[in-house]
């Protein structure tokens, strides 16, 4: 079972507040959850973030993966730093933003093309630098 730490939207229309919950990744956003570990109220000034650090750290150690927004909230509350210190920096990698497969294929194609184009340019640049250097001494010798 893949467990996620994510936000669950509650509140009235146009007045959102969120619960930070631990839930099965297959359950819907506002559906069934395992445990509530905090809350986030973005409309208050300043925004309210409360997280039960002990329980959040427990779930992270059990293998729960935070979503991007939940990871930011865990970072604000300080749980993420505690987890990185306990588990090591290699084990504590932030979730990466989702990208569509089409974008990644285009990016890979673009990244493959510039190194091939960039390779001839440095070879030409030293040759261009050498040519004026050779011409300059010949002009001095002519004078």
Protein backbone atom coordinates (compact mmCIF):
# COMPACT_ATOMS: atom_id res chain seq x y z
CA UNK A 1 0.00 0.00 0.00
CA UNK A 2 1.48 3.37 -1.07
CA UNK A 3 0.96 5.94 1.66
CA UNK A 4 1.04 9.67 0.95
CA UNK A 5 1.09 12.75 3.13
CA UNK A 6 -1.16 15.23 1.38
CA UNK A 7 -3.66 18.06 1.81
CA UNK A 8 -7.39 17.45 2.17
CA UNK A 9 -9.58 20.43 1.33
CA UNK A 10 -12.22 21.44 3.86
CA UNK A 11 -14.17 24.65 4.41
CA UNK A 12 -16.80 26.58 2.54
CA UNK A 13 -16.88 27.53 -1.09
CA UNK A 14 -14.13 30.08 -1.90
CA UNK A 15 -12.84 29.83 1.70
CA UNK A 16 -10.50 26.85 1.74
CA UNK A 17 -8.71 25.40 4.69
CA UNK A 18 -6.75 22.20 4.48
CA UNK A 19 -6.01 19.24 6.70
CA UNK A 20 -2.62 17.58 6.41
CA UNK A 21 -3.51 13.90 6.28
CA UNK A 22 -1.86 10.54 5.80
CA UNK A 23 -3.84 8.58 3.22
CA UNK A 24 -3.61 5.71 0.79
CA UNK A 25 -2.52 7.10 -2.57
CA UNK A 26 -5.46 5.43 -4.29
CA UNK A 27 -8.12 7.17 -2.19
CA UNK A 28 -9.66 10.44 -3.46
CA UNK A 29 -8.37 13.85 -2.34
CA UNK A 30 -11.18 14.51 0.13
CA UNK A 31 -11.93 10.86 0.77
CA UNK A 32 -10.81 8.29 3.29
CA UNK A 33 -7.63 8.93 5.25
CA UNK A 34 -5.56 7.10 7.83
CA UNK A 35 -4.69 9.95 10.20
CA UNK A 36 -4.91 13.74 10.45
CA UNK A 37 -1.49 15.14 11.34
CA UNK A 38 -2.07 18.88 10.93
CA UNK A 39 -3.88 21.77 9.35
CA UNK A 40 -3.16 24.66 6.99
CA UNK A 41 -5.25 27.84 6.77
CA UNK A 42 -3.95 29.99 3.89
CA UNK A 43 -6.63 32.69 4.11
CA UNK A 44 -5.72 33.87 7.58
CA UNK A 45 -3.19 36.67 7.96
CA UNK A 46 -0.51 35.30 8.47
CA UNK A 47 -1.22 31.78 7.20
CA UNK A 48 -1.66 29.19 9.95
CA UNK A 49 0.36 25.98 9.73
CA UNK A 50 0.12 23.44 12.55
CA UNK A 51 1.61 19.99 12.24
CA UNK A 52 2.05 17.24 14.82
CA UNK A 53 5.79 16.85 14.23
CA UNK A 54 6.06 13.54 16.10
CA UNK A 55 3.38 11.81 14.00
CA UNK A 56 4.59 13.34 10.73
CA UNK A 57 8.12 12.14 11.42
CA UNK A 58 6.75 8.70 12.29
CA UNK A 59 4.95 8.44 8.95
CA UNK A 60 7.94 9.71 6.98
CA UNK A 61 10.09 7.06 8.64
CA UNK A 62 7.47 4.44 7.71
CA UNK A 63 7.88 5.40 4.04
CA UNK A 64 5.05 7.88 3.45
CA UNK A 65 5.79 10.17 0.50
CA UNK A 66 4.68 13.82 0.79
CA UNK A 67 3.13 15.61 -2.16
CA UNK A 68 4.73 18.87 -3.34
CA UNK A 69 2.41 21.10 -1.32
CA UNK A 70 2.59 18.88 1.76
CA UNK A 71 6.40 18.86 1.52
CA UNK A 72 6.42 22.67 1.64
CA UNK A 73 4.24 22.63 4.74
CA UNK A 74 6.46 20.02 6.39
CA UNK A 75 9.46 22.20 5.56
CA UNK A 76 7.82 25.25 7.17
CA UNK A 77 6.98 23.30 10.33
CA UNK A 78 10.53 21.90 10.58
CA UNK A 79 9.64 18.23 10.23
CA UNK A 80 11.46 17.88 6.92
CA UNK A 81 14.78 19.03 8.44
CA UNK A 82 14.40 16.57 11.31
CA UNK A 83 13.71 13.79 8.82
CA UNK A 84 16.74 14.69 6.70
CA UNK A 85 18.99 14.60 9.76
CA UNK A 86 17.58 11.26 10.94
CA UNK A 87 17.47 9.48 7.57
CA UNK A 88 20.40 11.10 5.80
CA UNK A 89 20.34 13.48 2.85
CA UNK A 90 20.32 10.73 0.21
CA UNK A 91 17.18 9.11 1.60
CA UNK A 92 15.35 12.41 2.03
CA UNK A 93 14.76 13.60 -1.49
CA UNK A 94 11.98 16.08 -2.09
CA UNK A 95 9.23 15.02 -4.44
CA UNK A 96 9.92 16.24 -7.97
CA UNK A 97 7.35 18.28 -9.86
CA UNK A 98 5.25 16.25 -12.23
CA UNK A 99 6.01 16.75 -15.91
CA UNK A 100 4.20 15.29 -18.85
CA UNK A 101 5.96 12.65 -20.91
CA UNK A 102 5.82 14.90 -23.97
CA UNK A 103 7.76 17.64 -22.20
CA UNK A 104 10.42 15.25 -20.94
CA UNK A 105 10.88 13.78 -24.42
CA UNK A 106 11.25 17.28 -25.92
CA UNK A 107 13.66 18.33 -23.16
CA UNK A 108 15.76 15.22 -23.71
CA UNK A 109 15.87 15.92 -27.45
CA UNK A 110 16.83 19.55 -26.82
CA UNK A 111 19.50 18.63 -24.30
CA UNK A 112 20.96 16.07 -26.72
CA UNK A 113 21.22 18.59 -29.58
CA UNK A 114 23.12 21.47 -27.84
CA UNK A 115 26.12 19.36 -26.73
CA UNK A 116 26.61 18.22 -30.34
CA UNK A 117 26.33 21.82 -31.55
CA UNK A 118 28.44 23.10 -28.67
CA UNK A 119 31.32 20.69 -29.40
CA UNK A 120 32.28 22.21 -32.79
CA UNK A 121 31.98 25.76 -31.47
CA UNK A 122 34.88 25.45 -28.95
CA UNK A 123 37.05 23.90 -31.66
CA UNK A 124 36.31 26.82 -33.98
CA UNK A 125 36.78 29.44 -31.26
CA UNK A 126 40.46 28.60 -30.54
CA UNK A 127 41.16 28.52 -34.28
CA UNK A 128 39.58 31.95 -34.62
CA UNK A 129 41.65 33.21 -31.67
CA UNK A 130 44.84 31.80 -33.17
CA UNK A 131 44.30 33.42 -36.58
CA UNK A 132 44.21 37.04 -35.33
CA UNK A 133 47.17 36.30 -33.08
CA UNK A 134 49.16 35.11 -36.10
CA UNK A 135 48.12 38.10 -38.19
CA UNK A 136 49.03 40.61 -35.50
CA UNK A 137 52.73 39.61 -35.30
CA UNK A 138 52.99 39.62 -39.11
CA UNK A 139 51.65 43.18 -39.23
CA UNK A 140 54.17 44.23 -36.56
CA UNK A 141 56.96 42.58 -38.53
CA UNK A 142 55.86 44.39 -41.71
CA UNK A 143 56.10 47.80 -40.02
